[in-house]
N, C-alpha and C. Protein backbone atom coordinates (compact mmCIF):
# COMPACT_ATOMS: atom_id res chain seq x y z
N MET A 1 27.80 -19.84 2.84
CA MET A 1 28.55 -18.65 2.48
C MET A 1 28.08 -17.50 3.36
N THR A 2 29.01 -16.64 3.72
CA THR A 2 28.69 -15.49 4.54
C THR A 2 28.78 -14.23 3.70
N PHE A 3 27.78 -13.39 3.83
CA PHE A 3 27.74 -12.12 3.12
C PHE A 3 27.71 -11.01 4.14
N ALA A 4 28.39 -9.91 3.84
CA ALA A 4 28.33 -8.73 4.69
C ALA A 4 27.05 -7.97 4.31
N ILE A 5 26.21 -7.71 5.30
CA ILE A 5 24.98 -6.97 5.04
C ILE A 5 25.05 -5.67 5.80
N ARG A 6 24.78 -4.59 5.09
CA ARG A 6 24.87 -3.26 5.68
C ARG A 6 23.77 -2.37 5.13
N PRO A 7 23.51 -1.25 5.84
CA PRO A 7 22.54 -0.29 5.30
C PRO A 7 23.04 0.26 3.96
N ALA A 8 22.13 0.41 3.04
CA ALA A 8 22.46 0.98 1.73
C ALA A 8 22.47 2.50 1.83
N THR A 9 23.23 3.11 0.94
CA THR A 9 23.23 4.56 0.77
C THR A 9 22.99 4.85 -0.71
N HIS A 10 22.81 6.12 -1.03
CA HIS A 10 22.65 6.45 -2.45
C HIS A 10 23.95 6.26 -3.22
N GLY A 11 25.06 6.07 -2.50
CA GLY A 11 26.30 5.69 -3.16
C GLY A 11 26.23 4.29 -3.76
N ASP A 12 25.23 3.53 -3.35
CA ASP A 12 25.01 2.17 -3.88
C ASP A 12 24.06 2.16 -5.06
N ASP A 13 23.60 3.32 -5.49
CA ASP A 13 22.58 3.38 -6.55
C ASP A 13 22.95 2.58 -7.79
N ASP A 14 24.19 2.73 -8.28
CA ASP A 14 24.58 2.02 -9.50
C ASP A 14 24.50 0.51 -9.30
N ALA A 15 25.01 0.03 -8.17
CA ALA A 15 25.00 -1.41 -7.90
C ALA A 15 23.57 -1.92 -7.73
N ILE A 16 22.74 -1.16 -7.04
CA ILE A 16 21.35 -1.58 -6.84
C ILE A 16 20.60 -1.57 -8.18
N TRP A 17 20.82 -0.57 -9.00
CA TRP A 17 20.17 -0.54 -10.31
C TRP A 17 20.61 -1.73 -11.17
N ARG A 18 21.89 -2.13 -11.08
CA ARG A 18 22.36 -3.30 -11.84
C ARG A 18 21.61 -4.56 -11.41
N ILE A 19 21.18 -4.60 -10.16
CA ILE A 19 20.40 -5.74 -9.67
C ILE A 19 18.94 -5.59 -10.08
N MET A 20 18.40 -4.39 -9.91
CA MET A 20 16.98 -4.16 -10.17
C MET A 20 16.60 -4.26 -11.64
N GLU A 21 17.43 -3.70 -12.51
CA GLU A 21 17.02 -3.60 -13.92
C GLU A 21 16.67 -4.95 -14.53
N PRO A 22 17.49 -5.99 -14.41
CA PRO A 22 17.09 -7.27 -15.02
C PRO A 22 15.81 -7.86 -14.40
N VAL A 23 15.63 -7.65 -13.10
CA VAL A 23 14.42 -8.15 -12.43
C VAL A 23 13.20 -7.43 -12.98
N ILE A 24 13.30 -6.12 -13.10
CA ILE A 24 12.18 -5.32 -13.62
C ILE A 24 11.91 -5.69 -15.08
N ARG A 25 12.94 -5.75 -15.90
CA ARG A 25 12.77 -6.06 -17.33
C ARG A 25 12.17 -7.45 -17.54
N ALA A 26 12.54 -8.41 -16.71
CA ALA A 26 12.00 -9.76 -16.84
C ALA A 26 10.50 -9.79 -16.54
N GLY A 27 10.06 -8.97 -15.58
CA GLY A 27 8.64 -8.89 -15.26
C GLY A 27 8.05 -10.15 -14.67
N GLU A 28 8.87 -10.97 -14.04
CA GLU A 28 8.41 -12.27 -13.55
C GLU A 28 8.10 -12.32 -12.06
N THR A 29 8.57 -11.33 -11.29
CA THR A 29 8.45 -11.45 -9.83
C THR A 29 7.90 -10.22 -9.13
N TYR A 30 8.02 -9.07 -9.72
CA TYR A 30 7.52 -7.83 -9.10
C TYR A 30 6.46 -7.22 -10.00
N SER A 31 5.47 -6.64 -9.38
CA SER A 31 4.40 -5.98 -10.11
C SER A 31 4.82 -4.54 -10.41
N LEU A 32 5.86 -4.42 -11.21
CA LEU A 32 6.40 -3.13 -11.62
C LEU A 32 6.39 -3.09 -13.14
N SER A 33 6.23 -1.90 -13.69
CA SER A 33 6.24 -1.75 -15.14
C SER A 33 7.59 -2.20 -15.69
N ARG A 34 7.55 -3.03 -16.72
CA ARG A 34 8.78 -3.57 -17.30
C ARG A 34 9.63 -2.50 -17.98
N ASP A 35 9.03 -1.35 -18.27
CA ASP A 35 9.82 -0.27 -18.87
C ASP A 35 10.19 0.81 -17.85
N MET A 36 10.02 0.52 -16.56
CA MET A 36 10.40 1.45 -15.50
C MET A 36 11.87 1.85 -15.67
N GLN A 37 12.13 3.12 -15.54
CA GLN A 37 13.48 3.63 -15.71
C GLN A 37 14.20 3.75 -14.37
N ARG A 38 15.49 3.94 -14.43
CA ARG A 38 16.38 3.95 -13.27
C ARG A 38 15.88 4.87 -12.15
N ALA A 39 15.63 6.14 -12.45
CA ALA A 39 15.26 7.10 -11.40
C ALA A 39 13.98 6.66 -10.69
N GLU A 40 12.99 6.24 -11.44
CA GLU A 40 11.72 5.80 -10.85
C GLU A 40 11.91 4.53 -10.02
N ALA A 41 12.72 3.62 -10.53
CA ALA A 41 12.98 2.37 -9.80
C ALA A 41 13.69 2.64 -8.48
N LEU A 42 14.70 3.48 -8.51
CA LEU A 42 15.43 3.80 -7.28
C LEU A 42 14.55 4.57 -6.30
N ASP A 43 13.70 5.46 -6.81
CA ASP A 43 12.74 6.15 -5.93
C ASP A 43 11.81 5.15 -5.26
N TYR A 44 11.36 4.16 -6.01
CA TYR A 44 10.50 3.11 -5.46
C TYR A 44 11.25 2.35 -4.36
N TRP A 45 12.47 1.91 -4.66
CA TRP A 45 13.22 1.09 -3.71
C TRP A 45 13.59 1.88 -2.46
N PHE A 46 13.96 3.14 -2.63
CA PHE A 46 14.40 3.98 -1.52
C PHE A 46 13.27 4.84 -0.95
N ALA A 47 12.03 4.39 -1.08
CA ALA A 47 10.89 5.16 -0.54
C ALA A 47 11.13 5.48 0.94
N LEU A 48 10.59 6.61 1.38
CA LEU A 48 10.87 7.12 2.72
C LEU A 48 10.45 6.18 3.84
N ASP A 49 9.49 5.29 3.58
CA ASP A 49 9.01 4.40 4.64
C ASP A 49 9.85 3.12 4.77
N ARG A 50 10.97 3.06 4.08
CA ARG A 50 11.75 1.82 4.01
C ARG A 50 13.17 2.01 4.56
N SER A 51 13.68 0.94 5.12
CA SER A 51 15.11 0.83 5.41
C SER A 51 15.68 -0.09 4.34
N ILE A 52 16.76 0.34 3.71
CA ILE A 52 17.34 -0.40 2.59
C ILE A 52 18.67 -1.00 3.03
N PHE A 53 18.90 -2.24 2.62
CA PHE A 53 20.14 -2.93 2.95
C PHE A 53 20.72 -3.54 1.68
N VAL A 54 22.03 -3.76 1.69
CA VAL A 54 22.69 -4.47 0.61
C VAL A 54 23.51 -5.60 1.20
N ALA A 55 23.63 -6.68 0.42
CA ALA A 55 24.52 -7.79 0.76
C ALA A 55 25.74 -7.67 -0.13
N GLU A 56 26.90 -7.81 0.48
CA GLU A 56 28.15 -7.71 -0.26
C GLU A 56 28.94 -9.01 -0.16
N ASP A 57 29.65 -9.30 -1.22
CA ASP A 57 30.59 -10.42 -1.25
C ASP A 57 31.88 -9.86 -1.83
N GLY A 58 32.91 -9.83 -1.02
CA GLY A 58 34.19 -9.28 -1.47
C GLY A 58 34.10 -7.83 -1.89
N GLY A 59 33.24 -7.06 -1.22
CA GLY A 59 33.10 -5.64 -1.53
C GLY A 59 32.17 -5.34 -2.69
N HIS A 60 31.60 -6.37 -3.31
CA HIS A 60 30.67 -6.18 -4.43
C HIS A 60 29.25 -6.41 -3.96
N VAL A 61 28.34 -5.52 -4.29
CA VAL A 61 26.93 -5.66 -3.93
C VAL A 61 26.32 -6.77 -4.77
N VAL A 62 25.76 -7.79 -4.08
CA VAL A 62 25.20 -8.95 -4.77
C VAL A 62 23.70 -9.11 -4.53
N GLY A 63 23.13 -8.28 -3.64
CA GLY A 63 21.70 -8.34 -3.37
C GLY A 63 21.28 -7.14 -2.56
N THR A 64 19.98 -6.91 -2.51
CA THR A 64 19.44 -5.79 -1.76
C THR A 64 18.06 -6.15 -1.23
N CYS A 65 17.69 -5.49 -0.16
CA CYS A 65 16.34 -5.69 0.38
C CYS A 65 15.88 -4.41 1.04
N PHE A 66 14.56 -4.32 1.20
CA PHE A 66 14.00 -3.24 2.01
C PHE A 66 13.19 -3.86 3.13
N LEU A 67 13.04 -3.08 4.20
CA LEU A 67 12.25 -3.46 5.36
C LEU A 67 11.40 -2.27 5.73
N ARG A 68 10.14 -2.53 6.03
CA ARG A 68 9.22 -1.45 6.41
C ARG A 68 8.07 -2.04 7.21
N ALA A 69 7.27 -1.16 7.79
CA ALA A 69 6.00 -1.59 8.38
C ALA A 69 5.07 -1.92 7.22
N ASN A 70 4.33 -3.02 7.34
CA ASN A 70 3.41 -3.40 6.28
C ASN A 70 2.32 -2.35 6.08
N ARG A 71 1.83 -1.81 7.16
CA ARG A 71 0.78 -0.79 7.15
C ARG A 71 1.05 0.18 8.30
N PRO A 72 0.53 1.39 8.19
CA PRO A 72 0.69 2.34 9.30
C PRO A 72 -0.31 2.06 10.43
N GLY A 73 -0.19 2.81 11.50
CA GLY A 73 -1.17 2.75 12.59
C GLY A 73 -1.32 1.37 13.18
N PRO A 74 -2.57 0.88 13.26
CA PRO A 74 -2.83 -0.40 13.92
C PRO A 74 -2.20 -1.61 13.23
N GLY A 75 -1.68 -1.44 12.03
CA GLY A 75 -1.00 -2.53 11.34
C GLY A 75 0.52 -2.41 11.39
N SER A 76 1.01 -1.42 12.12
CA SER A 76 2.44 -1.13 12.08
C SER A 76 3.31 -2.11 12.88
N HIS A 77 2.69 -3.06 13.55
CA HIS A 77 3.47 -4.08 14.27
C HIS A 77 3.85 -5.25 13.35
N VAL A 78 3.39 -5.21 12.11
CA VAL A 78 3.69 -6.26 11.13
C VAL A 78 4.68 -5.68 10.11
N ALA A 79 5.80 -6.37 9.93
CA ALA A 79 6.82 -5.94 8.97
C ALA A 79 6.51 -6.46 7.58
N ASN A 80 7.14 -5.84 6.60
CA ASN A 80 7.08 -6.26 5.21
C ASN A 80 8.48 -6.07 4.65
N ALA A 81 8.84 -6.86 3.68
CA ALA A 81 10.16 -6.74 3.07
C ALA A 81 10.10 -7.14 1.62
N GLY A 82 11.07 -6.66 0.85
CA GLY A 82 11.23 -7.04 -0.54
C GLY A 82 12.69 -7.33 -0.79
N PHE A 83 12.96 -8.25 -1.70
CA PHE A 83 14.31 -8.73 -1.94
C PHE A 83 14.61 -8.83 -3.42
N MET A 84 15.85 -8.49 -3.79
CA MET A 84 16.33 -8.71 -5.16
C MET A 84 17.78 -9.15 -5.06
N VAL A 85 18.12 -10.13 -5.88
CA VAL A 85 19.47 -10.70 -5.92
C VAL A 85 20.00 -10.56 -7.34
N ALA A 86 21.27 -10.24 -7.46
CA ALA A 86 21.90 -10.11 -8.78
C ALA A 86 21.71 -11.40 -9.58
N ASP A 87 21.47 -11.22 -10.87
CA ASP A 87 21.23 -12.35 -11.77
C ASP A 87 22.27 -13.46 -11.65
N ASP A 88 23.52 -13.09 -11.55
CA ASP A 88 24.59 -14.08 -11.53
C ASP A 88 24.89 -14.63 -10.14
N GLN A 89 24.03 -14.31 -9.16
CA GLN A 89 24.28 -14.73 -7.78
C GLN A 89 23.23 -15.72 -7.26
N GLY A 90 22.30 -16.11 -8.10
CA GLY A 90 21.25 -17.04 -7.68
C GLY A 90 21.82 -18.36 -7.19
N GLY A 91 21.21 -18.91 -6.15
CA GLY A 91 21.60 -20.20 -5.62
C GLY A 91 22.79 -20.16 -4.68
N ARG A 92 23.29 -18.98 -4.36
CA ARG A 92 24.46 -18.86 -3.48
C ARG A 92 24.08 -18.54 -2.04
N GLY A 93 22.78 -18.34 -1.77
CA GLY A 93 22.36 -18.03 -0.41
C GLY A 93 22.21 -16.56 -0.11
N VAL A 94 22.28 -15.71 -1.13
CA VAL A 94 22.15 -14.27 -0.92
C VAL A 94 20.75 -13.93 -0.41
N GLY A 95 19.72 -14.47 -1.05
CA GLY A 95 18.34 -14.22 -0.62
C GLY A 95 18.10 -14.69 0.80
N LYS A 96 18.61 -15.84 1.12
CA LYS A 96 18.46 -16.37 2.49
C LYS A 96 19.14 -15.45 3.50
N ALA A 97 20.36 -15.02 3.19
CA ALA A 97 21.09 -14.13 4.11
C ALA A 97 20.34 -12.81 4.29
N LEU A 98 19.82 -12.27 3.20
CA LEU A 98 19.07 -11.01 3.31
C LEU A 98 17.80 -11.22 4.13
N CYS A 99 17.11 -12.35 3.92
CA CYS A 99 15.89 -12.62 4.68
C CYS A 99 16.21 -12.79 6.16
N GLU A 100 17.26 -13.53 6.48
CA GLU A 100 17.65 -13.69 7.88
C GLU A 100 17.93 -12.33 8.52
N HIS A 101 18.61 -11.46 7.77
CA HIS A 101 18.91 -10.12 8.28
C HIS A 101 17.62 -9.32 8.48
N ALA A 102 16.73 -9.38 7.50
CA ALA A 102 15.47 -8.64 7.61
C ALA A 102 14.64 -9.13 8.79
N LEU A 103 14.58 -10.45 9.00
CA LEU A 103 13.83 -11.00 10.13
C LEU A 103 14.43 -10.55 11.46
N ALA A 104 15.75 -10.63 11.57
CA ALA A 104 16.41 -10.23 12.82
C ALA A 104 16.23 -8.73 13.07
N THR A 105 16.37 -7.93 12.03
CA THR A 105 16.21 -6.48 12.18
C THR A 105 14.78 -6.13 12.55
N ALA A 106 13.83 -6.80 11.91
CA ALA A 106 12.42 -6.56 12.23
C ALA A 106 12.13 -6.88 13.69
N LYS A 107 12.65 -7.99 14.15
CA LYS A 107 12.45 -8.37 15.56
C LYS A 107 13.08 -7.35 16.49
N GLU A 108 14.31 -6.91 16.18
CA GLU A 108 14.99 -5.88 16.98
C GLU A 108 14.18 -4.60 17.05
N ARG A 109 13.48 -4.28 15.98
CA ARG A 109 12.70 -3.05 15.90
C ARG A 109 11.31 -3.19 16.51
N GLY A 110 11.01 -4.36 17.04
CA GLY A 110 9.75 -4.54 17.75
C GLY A 110 8.59 -5.06 16.93
N PHE A 111 8.83 -5.42 15.69
CA PHE A 111 7.77 -6.01 14.89
C PHE A 111 7.43 -7.39 15.47
N GLN A 112 6.16 -7.78 15.36
CA GLN A 112 5.72 -9.06 15.88
C GLN A 112 5.64 -10.15 14.82
N SER A 113 5.56 -9.76 13.57
CA SER A 113 5.51 -10.74 12.49
C SER A 113 5.94 -10.06 11.20
N MET A 114 6.09 -10.88 10.15
CA MET A 114 6.40 -10.36 8.83
C MET A 114 5.39 -10.93 7.85
N LEU A 115 4.95 -10.09 6.93
CA LEU A 115 3.95 -10.46 5.94
C LEU A 115 4.45 -10.09 4.57
N PHE A 116 4.45 -11.06 3.68
CA PHE A 116 4.71 -10.79 2.26
C PHE A 116 3.35 -10.77 1.57
N ASN A 117 2.98 -9.63 1.04
CA ASN A 117 1.64 -9.42 0.49
C ASN A 117 1.46 -9.94 -0.93
N PHE A 118 2.54 -10.08 -1.68
CA PHE A 118 2.40 -10.30 -3.12
C PHE A 118 3.55 -11.17 -3.62
N VAL A 119 3.48 -12.46 -3.31
CA VAL A 119 4.51 -13.40 -3.77
C VAL A 119 3.93 -14.13 -4.99
N VAL A 120 4.56 -13.96 -6.12
CA VAL A 120 4.09 -14.60 -7.34
C VAL A 120 4.30 -16.11 -7.21
N ALA A 121 3.22 -16.87 -7.29
CA ALA A 121 3.30 -18.32 -7.10
C ALA A 121 4.21 -18.99 -8.11
N ALA A 122 4.30 -18.43 -9.30
CA ALA A 122 5.19 -18.98 -10.33
C ALA A 122 6.66 -18.82 -9.95
N ASN A 123 6.95 -17.97 -9.00
CA ASN A 123 8.32 -17.77 -8.51
C ASN A 123 8.61 -18.85 -7.46
N THR A 124 8.68 -20.08 -7.94
CA THR A 124 8.75 -21.23 -7.03
C THR A 124 10.00 -21.24 -6.17
N LYS A 125 11.12 -20.73 -6.67
CA LYS A 125 12.34 -20.67 -5.85
C LYS A 125 12.11 -19.79 -4.62
N ALA A 126 11.49 -18.64 -4.81
CA ALA A 126 11.23 -17.75 -3.69
C ALA A 126 10.22 -18.37 -2.73
N VAL A 127 9.17 -18.96 -3.26
CA VAL A 127 8.16 -19.58 -2.40
C VAL A 127 8.79 -20.66 -1.53
N ARG A 128 9.62 -21.50 -2.13
CA ARG A 128 10.30 -22.56 -1.34
C ARG A 128 11.23 -21.95 -0.30
N LEU A 129 11.98 -20.90 -0.68
CA LEU A 129 12.88 -20.27 0.29
C LEU A 129 12.09 -19.69 1.45
N TRP A 130 11.03 -18.96 1.16
CA TRP A 130 10.25 -18.35 2.25
C TRP A 130 9.66 -19.43 3.15
N GLN A 131 9.23 -20.54 2.57
CA GLN A 131 8.72 -21.64 3.40
C GLN A 131 9.82 -22.22 4.27
N ARG A 132 11.01 -22.40 3.72
CA ARG A 132 12.14 -22.87 4.54
C ARG A 132 12.48 -21.88 5.65
N MET A 133 12.21 -20.61 5.41
CA MET A 133 12.48 -19.57 6.41
C MET A 133 11.35 -19.45 7.44
N GLY A 134 10.36 -20.32 7.35
CA GLY A 134 9.30 -20.36 8.35
C GLY A 134 8.02 -19.65 7.97
N PHE A 135 7.92 -19.16 6.74
CA PHE A 135 6.70 -18.49 6.29
C PHE A 135 5.66 -19.53 5.87
N GLU A 136 4.42 -19.21 6.14
CA GLU A 136 3.30 -20.05 5.72
C GLU A 136 2.46 -19.29 4.71
N ILE A 137 1.88 -20.02 3.78
CA ILE A 137 0.94 -19.42 2.84
C ILE A 137 -0.38 -19.26 3.59
N VAL A 138 -0.82 -18.02 3.73
CA VAL A 138 -2.05 -17.73 4.45
C VAL A 138 -3.15 -17.19 3.54
N GLY A 139 -2.82 -17.00 2.27
CA GLY A 139 -3.81 -16.52 1.33
C GLY A 139 -3.35 -16.71 -0.09
N ARG A 140 -4.31 -16.71 -1.00
CA ARG A 140 -4.02 -16.89 -2.43
C ARG A 140 -5.02 -16.06 -3.22
N ALA A 141 -4.50 -15.28 -4.15
CA ALA A 141 -5.34 -14.52 -5.08
C ALA A 141 -5.17 -15.15 -6.46
N PRO A 142 -6.20 -15.83 -6.94
CA PRO A 142 -6.09 -16.51 -8.23
C PRO A 142 -5.87 -15.53 -9.39
N ASP A 143 -4.95 -15.89 -10.28
CA ASP A 143 -4.70 -15.13 -11.51
C ASP A 143 -4.46 -13.64 -11.28
N ALA A 144 -3.78 -13.28 -10.20
CA ALA A 144 -3.57 -11.87 -9.86
C ALA A 144 -2.31 -11.28 -10.48
N PHE A 145 -1.53 -12.10 -11.18
CA PHE A 145 -0.28 -11.62 -11.78
C PHE A 145 -0.19 -12.12 -13.21
N GLN A 146 0.14 -11.22 -14.11
CA GLN A 146 0.29 -11.59 -15.52
C GLN A 146 1.76 -11.88 -15.79
N HIS A 147 2.11 -13.15 -15.69
CA HIS A 147 3.49 -13.57 -15.91
C HIS A 147 3.78 -13.50 -17.41
N PRO A 148 4.92 -12.94 -17.81
CA PRO A 148 5.18 -12.75 -19.25
C PRO A 148 5.38 -14.03 -20.04
N HIS A 149 5.67 -15.14 -19.38
CA HIS A 149 5.91 -16.40 -20.10
C HIS A 149 4.92 -17.49 -19.73
N GLN A 150 4.46 -17.49 -18.48
CA GLN A 150 3.59 -18.55 -18.00
C GLN A 150 2.12 -18.16 -17.97
N GLY A 151 1.80 -16.96 -18.38
CA GLY A 151 0.41 -16.52 -18.36
C GLY A 151 -0.01 -16.12 -16.95
N MET A 152 -1.27 -16.25 -16.68
CA MET A 152 -1.81 -15.82 -15.39
C MET A 152 -1.25 -16.71 -14.27
N SER A 153 -0.83 -16.07 -13.19
CA SER A 153 -0.28 -16.77 -12.04
C SER A 153 -0.99 -16.30 -10.78
N ASP A 154 -1.16 -17.21 -9.85
CA ASP A 154 -1.70 -16.83 -8.55
C ASP A 154 -0.67 -15.99 -7.80
N VAL A 155 -1.15 -15.22 -6.86
CA VAL A 155 -0.30 -14.47 -5.95
C VAL A 155 -0.57 -14.99 -4.55
N LEU A 156 0.50 -15.20 -3.80
CA LEU A 156 0.40 -15.73 -2.44
C LEU A 156 0.63 -14.64 -1.41
N VAL A 157 -0.04 -14.78 -0.29
CA VAL A 157 0.24 -13.99 0.91
C VAL A 157 0.93 -14.94 1.87
N MET A 158 2.11 -14.54 2.35
CA MET A 158 2.89 -15.41 3.22
C MET A 158 3.19 -14.68 4.52
N HIS A 159 3.15 -15.42 5.63
CA HIS A 159 3.26 -14.81 6.95
C HIS A 159 4.15 -15.65 7.85
N ARG A 160 4.83 -14.95 8.72
CA ARG A 160 5.65 -15.62 9.74
C ARG A 160 5.67 -14.76 10.99
N ARG A 161 5.45 -15.39 12.14
CA ARG A 161 5.61 -14.69 13.41
C ARG A 161 7.09 -14.54 13.74
N LEU A 162 7.41 -13.47 14.44
CA LEU A 162 8.79 -13.26 14.84
C LEU A 162 8.96 -13.67 16.30
């Protein structure tokens, strides 16, 4: 399936919040407060150090991602990204399309690699997708995430050269 991916604007706030809220409330994949409210969540997603994108299908926003330098200064050649897909869009390739876009954009911007700092190991769908996208697990922090249903979960650091 092909999705149109474009830069997000604040005109997309409602659509992005509809994607973010269930992810935040579930508390299974992001280390964000489960009671985080809309304004705080959108401020987090649209932080000044990030480029925000949305994936559309038939004019409807079905996923979003951010791209940024993982660290400033001497670490600024390494990209970082975060992804969220609408609850009803799982398994359709939205995450893969957003990741492909983020990787291509990062390479165009001169980044040499991409690093995911905090991948919840219990999020096995994401871990498998990132591995299919060429990421390797380069680190593990035992019991670093309190999963609301599975208890303590390891957190993975995943890396891929561009």
